Amino acid sequence: MRLRPLLVAALAAALALTLAGCGAFPRGMQEFAKRAVAAKPNSAPPSHPLVTAFEPSWDDGAVLKASKNSVSMVAISGIDIAEGGASVTEPTAAVLRQVKLAHQLGKKAEVLLLNYKAGVGFSNEVAKSMLSTKANRDSAAASLGPWSPTRGSTASCSTSSS
């Protein structure tokens, strides 16, 4: 019977069409590439994320200098919340050196207020003593004196627990 060769030819044609649709033949891949849509370039200006460097007051600044092109601002550790929470300690010479270095590198300096207590380490109680009342917050802010944002430095409270 002639039905068998006809059936084989039909199956072979169906298989060829299926494989062509899946890209099994070079022409199928060429057609696929023509249909692909190229990504449009981003029209936004190139930028990098904001990066804050943490700089301990005792550090020599070598890492900060080496990474200055990748850093947006510098957070400097070194002023403690005073007992009772109504003021902060005076910045040490080391803190002032780090602020100066940050400014020389063209970076904003943010001095961190630490909730450190001698003999205890980081203390939630110290942080709460300043943050719990408006009077203490206002008094501590006033005690910052030269650390106002208008002078290129700010201070923020950094609370840690042990």
Protein backbone atom coordinates (compact mmCIF):
# COMPACT_ATOMS: atom_id res chain seq x y z
CA MET A 1 0.00 0.00 0.00
CA ARG A 2 1.06 3.50 -0.70
CA LEU A 3 -0.26 4.82 2.62
CA ARG A 4 2.86 3.93 4.54
CA PRO A 5 5.30 6.09 2.48
CA LEU A 6 2.80 8.93 2.67
CA LEU A 7 2.58 8.62 6.47
CA VAL A 8 6.40 8.52 6.77
CA ALA A 9 6.70 11.65 4.60
CA ALA A 10 4.07 13.48 6.70
CA LEU A 11 5.82 12.55 9.97
CA ALA A 12 9.19 13.60 8.58
CA ALA A 13 7.73 16.96 7.48
CA ALA A 14 6.13 17.49 10.91
CA LEU A 15 9.42 16.64 12.64
CA ALA A 16 11.36 19.03 10.38
CA LEU A 17 8.89 21.85 11.06
CA THR A 18 9.02 21.20 14.80
CA LEU A 19 12.83 21.17 14.87
CA ALA A 20 12.99 24.31 12.74
CA GLY A 21 10.65 26.06 15.17
CA CYS A 22 12.91 25.06 18.08
CA GLY A 23 15.97 26.46 16.38
CA ALA A 24 17.59 23.14 15.57
CA PHE A 25 18.54 24.35 12.12
CA PRO A 26 20.82 27.31 11.46
CA ARG A 27 18.11 29.21 9.59
CA GLY A 28 15.81 28.90 12.63
CA MET A 29 18.47 30.56 14.80
CA GLN A 30 18.95 33.34 12.28
CA GLU A 31 15.26 34.06 12.30
CA PHE A 32 15.26 34.05 16.13
CA ALA A 33 18.11 36.55 16.24
CA LYS A 34 16.23 38.85 13.86
CA ARG A 35 13.19 38.77 16.16
CA ALA A 36 15.18 39.51 19.32
CA VAL A 37 14.87 43.05 20.64
CA ALA A 38 18.07 44.77 21.73
CA ALA A 39 18.05 46.32 25.18
CA LYS A 40 17.82 50.10 25.21
CA PRO A 41 20.72 51.82 26.96
CA ASN A 42 19.92 53.48 30.27
CA SER A 43 19.42 57.19 29.75
CA ALA A 44 20.12 58.00 33.41
CA PRO A 45 23.53 59.52 34.16
CA PRO A 46 26.09 57.04 35.47
CA SER A 47 26.54 57.07 39.21
CA HIS A 48 27.63 54.89 42.07
CA PRO A 49 25.80 54.18 45.31
CA LEU A 50 26.34 56.39 48.31
CA VAL A 51 28.99 54.80 50.49
CA THR A 52 29.76 55.85 54.05
CA ALA A 53 33.20 54.93 55.33
CA PHE A 54 33.54 54.15 59.04
CA GLU A 55 36.71 55.67 60.40
CA PRO A 56 37.72 55.01 64.01
CA SER A 57 39.37 58.02 65.63
CA TRP A 58 42.57 56.03 66.27
CA ASP A 59 43.06 54.94 62.64
CA ASP A 60 45.94 56.34 60.57
CA GLY A 61 43.64 57.08 57.60
CA ALA A 62 45.56 55.01 55.03
CA VAL A 63 42.51 52.97 53.98
CA LEU A 64 40.33 56.07 53.77
CA LYS A 65 42.89 57.81 51.55
CA ALA A 66 43.18 54.74 49.32
CA SER A 67 39.41 54.44 48.89
CA LYS A 68 38.52 58.13 48.68
CA ASN A 69 37.13 57.81 45.15
CA SER A 70 34.62 55.19 46.29
CA VAL A 71 33.45 56.96 49.43
CA SER A 72 30.65 59.54 49.66
CA MET A 73 31.08 60.56 53.29
CA VAL A 74 32.98 59.55 56.43
CA ALA A 75 31.47 58.49 59.77
CA ILE A 76 34.00 59.03 62.56
CA SER A 77 33.82 57.24 65.87
CA GLY A 78 34.95 59.11 68.91
CA ILE A 79 32.51 61.27 70.90
CA ASP A 80 30.73 59.66 73.83
CA ILE A 81 27.37 60.51 75.31
CA ALA A 82 28.16 61.88 78.77
CA GLU A 83 26.69 60.38 81.91
CA GLY A 84 23.09 61.45 82.39
CA GLY A 85 22.63 61.96 78.64
CA ALA A 86 22.43 65.77 78.69
CA SER A 87 25.76 66.37 76.96
CA VAL A 88 28.54 64.76 74.97
CA THR A 89 32.25 64.53 75.65
CA GLU A 90 34.71 66.88 74.00
CA PRO A 91 36.18 65.54 70.76
CA THR A 92 39.71 64.26 71.13
CA ALA A 93 42.62 65.43 68.99
CA ALA A 94 42.32 62.11 67.13
CA VAL A 95 38.67 62.83 66.24
CA LEU A 96 39.60 66.31 65.04
CA ARG A 97 42.38 64.83 62.86
CA GLN A 98 39.89 62.43 61.23
CA VAL A 99 37.42 65.26 60.55
CA LYS A 100 40.22 67.32 59.02
CA LEU A 101 41.32 64.39 56.86
CA ALA A 102 37.76 63.78 55.63
CA HIS A 103 37.44 67.45 54.66
CA GLN A 104 40.85 67.44 52.95
CA LEU A 105 39.62 64.52 50.85
CA GLY A 106 36.52 66.53 49.95
CA LYS A 107 34.17 64.37 52.02
CA LYS A 108 31.47 65.27 54.50
CA ALA A 109 32.37 64.14 58.01
CA GLU A 110 29.79 62.77 60.42
CA VAL A 111 30.96 62.29 63.99
CA LEU A 112 29.19 59.43 65.74
CA LEU A 113 27.95 59.82 69.30
CA LEU A 114 28.68 56.56 71.05
CA ASN A 115 26.74 54.98 73.90
CA TYR A 116 29.88 53.63 75.53
CA LYS A 117 30.27 53.36 79.29
CA ALA A 118 33.65 52.70 80.92
CA GLY A 119 33.81 49.31 82.54
CA VAL A 120 30.63 48.18 80.77
CA GLY A 121 31.17 48.68 77.07
CA PHE A 122 28.27 49.67 74.86
CA SER A 123 25.24 50.40 76.97
CA ASN A 124 21.60 50.77 76.01
CA GLU A 125 21.09 52.70 79.24
CA VAL A 126 23.52 55.42 78.09
CA ALA A 127 21.68 55.76 74.78
CA LYS A 128 18.30 55.87 76.52
CA SER A 129 19.53 58.55 78.94
CA MET A 130 19.99 60.95 76.02
CA LEU A 131 17.22 59.82 73.69
CA SER A 132 14.41 59.40 76.22
CA THR A 133 13.70 63.09 76.91
CA LYS A 134 13.47 66.14 74.68
CA ALA A 135 15.37 68.18 77.26
CA ASN A 136 18.34 65.78 77.16
CA ARG A 137 18.32 65.62 73.36
CA ASP A 138 18.26 69.42 73.10
CA SER A 139 20.96 69.82 75.76
CA ALA A 140 23.21 67.19 74.13
CA ALA A 141 22.73 68.86 70.73
CA ALA A 142 23.66 72.25 72.22
CA SER A 143 26.80 70.74 73.75
CA LEU A 144 27.99 69.75 70.27
CA GLY A 145 28.92 73.37 69.63
CA PRO A 146 31.25 73.40 66.61
CA TRP A 147 29.82 70.17 65.18
CA SER A 148 26.99 71.98 63.44
CA PRO A 149 26.08 71.08 59.83
CA THR A 150 27.05 74.60 58.72
CA ARG A 151 30.71 73.78 59.44
CA GLY A 152 30.76 70.67 57.23
CA SER A 153 30.48 68.19 60.07
CA THR A 154 27.48 66.66 61.75
CA ALA A 155 27.00 64.36 64.66
CA SER A 156 24.63 61.46 64.93
CA CYS A 157 23.85 59.00 67.64
CA SER A 158 25.15 55.50 67.03
CA THR A 159 23.75 53.06 69.54
CA SER A 160 25.17 49.60 69.92
CA SER A 161 24.50 46.86 72.39
CA SER A 162 26.91 44.26 73.64
